[in-house]
Amino acid sequence: MKYLPFEDFEIETDLSTEEVFYRLRAAVDTKRKWWIFTNKPFLGEVSRHYFHIWRVRSLLRKDYAYVIGTINGTSEGCVLRLRMRMYFYNFIFWLIWLGAVWYMYFGGIASLVLKKIQTGIWNIDSPLFFLPGIAFFAWGYFIGVISFKLEAEYVKDNLTKITGVPRDKFHPIDRLFGLTESQIIGILFLGTFLVSGVWILYHLIF
């Protein structure tokens, strides 16, 4: 997905499941270590059909995202199916930040619309009224998404080295809970406008 911090993709390779398993084991430390004590790109656990890995933390970089994958044999080699996600506590903090700013921003707009309907006057002193909310939302959004995408790039670069499969042969799965990214974003905006509309109607009636 381009605009949300989720990455699902598949890698088809002519390597056997055993070869992929041993290559992953060689690239993953199974005991938590600081970056100065290892030359491996990942930390985590690897079995013959499953792996859970994340980037080795450095002095200035904390754990930000993780990868869960499966190794499935085929007649021509194997397929790796991978899901990359933010860590739960990072995702919750990110959602709380964006949710709070989103609520204040659209709550303010709904209040202005309500007053406009009731008084016929827009209570806006300057068109710059909306900029702080947009700036706070954009800052939180880009911090989360860019950090995640940098992690995704690091993971993909190393998986290219491990499997020998070039990046353009990775098969992205652009669905989350059965929905495409555009559908998720559309539902978010539609839900916001519906909630705002119901709130305005409620205050007009009661």
Protein backbone atom coordinates (compact mmCIF):
# COMPACT_ATOMS: atom_id res chain seq x y z
CA MET A 1 0.00 0.00 0.00
CA LYS A 2 1.28 3.44 -0.94
CA TYR A 3 -0.33 5.69 1.65
CA LEU A 4 -0.96 3.43 4.66
CA PRO A 5 1.61 1.71 6.91
CA PHE A 6 0.89 -1.84 5.75
CA GLU A 7 2.83 -4.02 3.32
CA ASP A 8 1.72 -7.45 2.11
CA PHE A 9 3.57 -9.14 -0.71
CA GLU A 10 4.71 -12.46 -2.16
CA ILE A 11 8.08 -13.57 -3.49
CA GLU A 12 8.27 -16.49 -5.90
CA THR A 13 11.68 -18.14 -6.15
CA ASP A 14 13.12 -21.28 -7.70
CA LEU A 15 14.99 -21.96 -4.45
CA SER A 16 13.72 -24.87 -2.40
CA THR A 17 12.13 -24.33 1.00
CA GLU A 18 15.28 -25.78 2.59
CA GLU A 19 17.54 -23.31 0.77
CA VAL A 20 15.35 -20.35 1.75
CA PHE A 21 15.23 -21.57 5.36
CA TYR A 22 19.03 -21.80 5.63
CA ARG A 23 19.55 -18.44 3.93
CA LEU A 24 17.10 -16.79 6.31
CA ARG A 25 18.73 -18.46 9.32
CA ALA A 26 22.09 -17.08 8.15
CA ALA A 27 20.62 -13.54 8.01
CA VAL A 28 18.68 -13.62 11.30
CA ASP A 29 20.01 -13.53 14.85
CA THR A 30 17.79 -15.55 17.18
CA LYS A 31 19.04 -13.73 20.29
CA ARG A 32 18.46 -10.02 20.83
CA LYS A 33 21.68 -8.07 20.27
CA TRP A 34 22.72 -4.47 19.70
CA TRP A 35 23.90 -3.59 16.21
CA ILE A 36 27.57 -3.36 17.24
CA PHE A 37 27.51 -7.04 18.27
CA THR A 38 26.10 -8.54 15.08
CA ASN A 39 26.65 -8.38 11.34
CA LYS A 40 23.21 -9.77 10.53
CA PRO A 41 20.43 -7.49 9.22
CA PHE A 42 17.56 -9.10 11.16
CA LEU A 43 16.60 -10.36 14.58
CA GLY A 44 13.83 -12.84 15.26
CA GLU A 45 12.84 -16.46 14.77
CA VAL A 46 12.93 -18.67 11.70
CA SER A 47 11.48 -22.14 11.20
CA ARG A 48 11.17 -24.18 8.05
CA HIS A 49 7.74 -22.80 7.19
CA TYR A 50 7.41 -19.62 9.25
CA PHE A 51 9.46 -16.60 10.29
CA HIS A 52 8.98 -13.51 12.43
CA ILE A 53 11.76 -10.96 11.98
CA TRP A 54 12.56 -7.30 12.53
CA ARG A 55 15.47 -5.01 11.89
CA VAL A 56 18.37 -5.09 14.35
CA ARG A 57 18.09 -1.98 16.50
CA SER A 58 20.87 0.61 16.50
CA LEU A 59 21.86 3.32 18.93
CA LEU A 60 19.40 5.86 17.47
CA ARG A 61 16.85 3.51 15.92
CA LYS A 62 14.26 1.61 17.92
CA ASP A 63 12.08 -1.31 16.83
CA TYR A 64 9.48 0.21 14.52
CA ALA A 65 8.05 -2.54 12.36
CA TYR A 66 8.13 -6.31 12.04
CA VAL A 67 7.63 -8.92 9.34
CA ILE A 68 5.68 -12.17 9.58
CA GLY A 69 6.17 -14.60 6.73
CA THR A 70 5.50 -18.14 5.59
CA ILE A 71 7.55 -20.38 3.30
CA ASN A 72 5.40 -22.54 1.04
CA GLY A 73 6.85 -25.14 -1.30
CA THR A 74 5.80 -25.32 -4.96
CA SER A 75 6.67 -27.61 -7.86
CA GLU A 76 9.15 -25.00 -9.13
CA GLY A 77 10.61 -23.82 -5.81
CA CYS A 78 8.74 -21.94 -3.12
CA VAL A 79 6.66 -18.85 -2.39
CA LEU A 80 7.28 -16.48 0.52
CA ARG A 81 4.18 -14.68 1.75
CA LEU A 82 4.99 -11.69 3.92
CA ARG A 83 3.06 -9.23 6.08
CA MET A 84 4.82 -6.14 7.38
CA ARG A 85 3.22 -4.15 10.19
CA MET A 86 3.97 -1.40 12.67
CA TYR A 87 4.54 -2.58 16.19
CA PHE A 88 1.31 -2.44 18.18
CA TYR A 89 2.40 0.36 20.53
CA ASN A 90 3.70 2.48 17.62
CA PHE A 91 0.47 1.94 15.69
CA ILE A 92 -1.75 2.80 18.67
CA PHE A 93 0.22 5.99 19.40
CA TRP A 94 0.05 6.94 15.72
CA LEU A 95 -3.71 6.34 15.61
CA ILE A 96 -4.32 8.32 18.81
CA TRP A 97 -2.33 11.28 17.46
CA LEU A 98 -4.06 11.30 14.08
CA GLY A 99 -7.47 10.56 15.60
CA ALA A 100 -7.21 13.45 18.07
CA VAL A 101 -6.14 15.93 15.38
CA TRP A 102 -8.77 14.57 12.96
CA TYR A 103 -11.48 14.94 15.62
CA MET A 104 -10.49 18.50 16.54
CA TYR A 105 -10.16 19.57 12.90
CA PHE A 106 -13.46 18.18 11.60
CA GLY A 107 -15.18 18.94 14.90
CA GLY A 108 -14.19 22.58 14.42
CA ILE A 109 -15.48 22.56 10.84
CA ALA A 110 -18.78 20.98 11.95
CA SER A 111 -19.16 23.69 14.63
CA LEU A 112 -18.57 26.41 12.03
CA VAL A 113 -21.16 24.87 9.69
CA LEU A 114 -23.66 24.64 12.55
CA LYS A 115 -23.17 28.31 13.45
CA LYS A 116 -23.44 29.28 9.79
CA ILE A 117 -26.80 27.50 9.53
CA GLN A 118 -28.04 29.04 12.78
CA THR A 119 -26.78 32.62 12.28
CA GLY A 120 -26.00 32.93 8.58
CA ILE A 121 -22.49 34.13 9.42
CA TRP A 122 -19.15 32.38 8.94
CA ASN A 123 -17.14 32.87 12.14
CA ILE A 124 -13.78 32.64 10.43
CA ASP A 125 -11.33 35.48 10.91
CA SER A 126 -8.78 34.25 8.38
CA PRO A 127 -8.43 31.51 5.76
CA LEU A 128 -5.33 30.46 7.74
CA PHE A 129 -7.73 29.15 10.40
CA PHE A 130 -7.47 25.64 8.95
CA LEU A 131 -3.69 25.50 8.55
CA PRO A 132 -2.62 24.45 12.10
CA GLY A 133 -4.90 21.38 12.04
CA ILE A 134 -3.69 20.38 8.58
CA ALA A 135 -0.06 20.88 9.61
CA PHE A 136 -0.37 18.80 12.79
CA PHE A 137 -2.15 16.00 10.94
CA ALA A 138 0.38 16.02 8.07
CA TRP A 139 3.32 15.98 10.50
CA GLY A 140 1.99 12.96 12.41
CA TYR A 141 0.95 11.16 9.23
CA PHE A 142 4.27 11.57 7.45
CA ILE A 143 6.35 10.67 10.50
CA GLY A 144 4.50 7.37 10.79
CA VAL A 145 4.24 6.46 7.13
CA ILE A 146 7.76 7.53 6.10
CA SER A 147 9.34 5.67 9.04
CA PHE A 148 7.39 2.56 8.09
CA LYS A 149 8.23 2.82 4.39
CA LEU A 150 11.94 3.18 5.18
CA GLU A 151 11.71 -0.04 7.19
CA ALA A 152 9.90 -1.70 4.28
CA GLU A 153 12.63 -0.65 1.86
CA TYR A 154 15.31 -2.08 4.17
CA VAL A 155 13.44 -5.37 4.48
CA LYS A 156 12.89 -5.68 0.73
CA ASP A 157 16.52 -4.88 -0.09
CA ASN A 158 17.71 -7.63 2.23
CA LEU A 159 15.12 -10.12 1.01
CA THR A 160 16.40 -9.46 -2.50
CA LYS A 161 19.88 -10.45 -1.35
CA ILE A 162 18.59 -13.51 0.52
CA THR A 163 16.33 -14.90 -2.23
CA GLY A 164 18.09 -13.55 -5.33
CA VAL A 165 14.73 -12.28 -6.61
CA PRO A 166 14.79 -8.65 -7.91
CA ARG A 167 12.44 -6.10 -6.36
CA ASP A 168 10.34 -5.75 -9.51
CA LYS A 169 9.42 -9.45 -9.20
CA PHE A 170 7.83 -8.99 -5.79
CA HIS A 171 4.05 -9.31 -5.97
CA PRO A 172 2.27 -6.73 -3.78
CA ILE A 173 -1.09 -7.63 -2.23
CA ASP A 174 -2.97 -4.34 -2.15
CA ARG A 175 -5.78 -5.40 0.18
CA LEU A 176 -6.38 -5.16 3.90
CA PHE A 177 -9.39 -6.93 5.42
CA GLY A 178 -10.53 -7.49 1.84
CA LEU A 179 -10.49 -3.76 1.02
CA THR A 180 -8.20 -1.84 -1.32
CA GLU A 181 -6.33 1.20 -0.08
CA SER A 182 -8.60 3.62 -1.95
CA GLN A 183 -11.67 1.95 -0.43
CA ILE A 184 -10.24 2.27 3.09
CA ILE A 185 -9.46 5.97 2.59
CA GLY A 186 -12.90 6.53 1.02
CA ILE A 187 -14.65 4.86 3.96
CA LEU A 188 -12.65 7.00 6.39
CA PHE A 189 -13.73 10.25 4.71
CA LEU A 190 -17.30 9.10 4.16
CA GLY A 191 -17.58 8.05 7.80
CA THR A 192 -16.21 11.41 8.93
CA PHE A 193 -18.76 13.36 6.87
CA LEU A 194 -21.63 11.12 8.00
CA VAL A 195 -20.71 11.51 11.68
CA SER A 196 -20.30 15.28 11.25
CA GLY A 197 -23.64 15.51 9.45
CA VAL A 198 -25.42 13.52 12.16
CA TRP A 199 -23.82 15.73 14.83
CA ILE A 200 -25.01 18.90 13.08
CA LEU A 201 -28.55 17.53 12.61
CA TYR A 202 -28.71 16.49 16.25
CA HIS A 203 -27.80 19.99 17.48
CA LEU A 204 -30.22 21.61 15.04
CA ILE A 205 -33.10 19.42 16.18
CA PHE A 206 -32.37 19.29 19.90
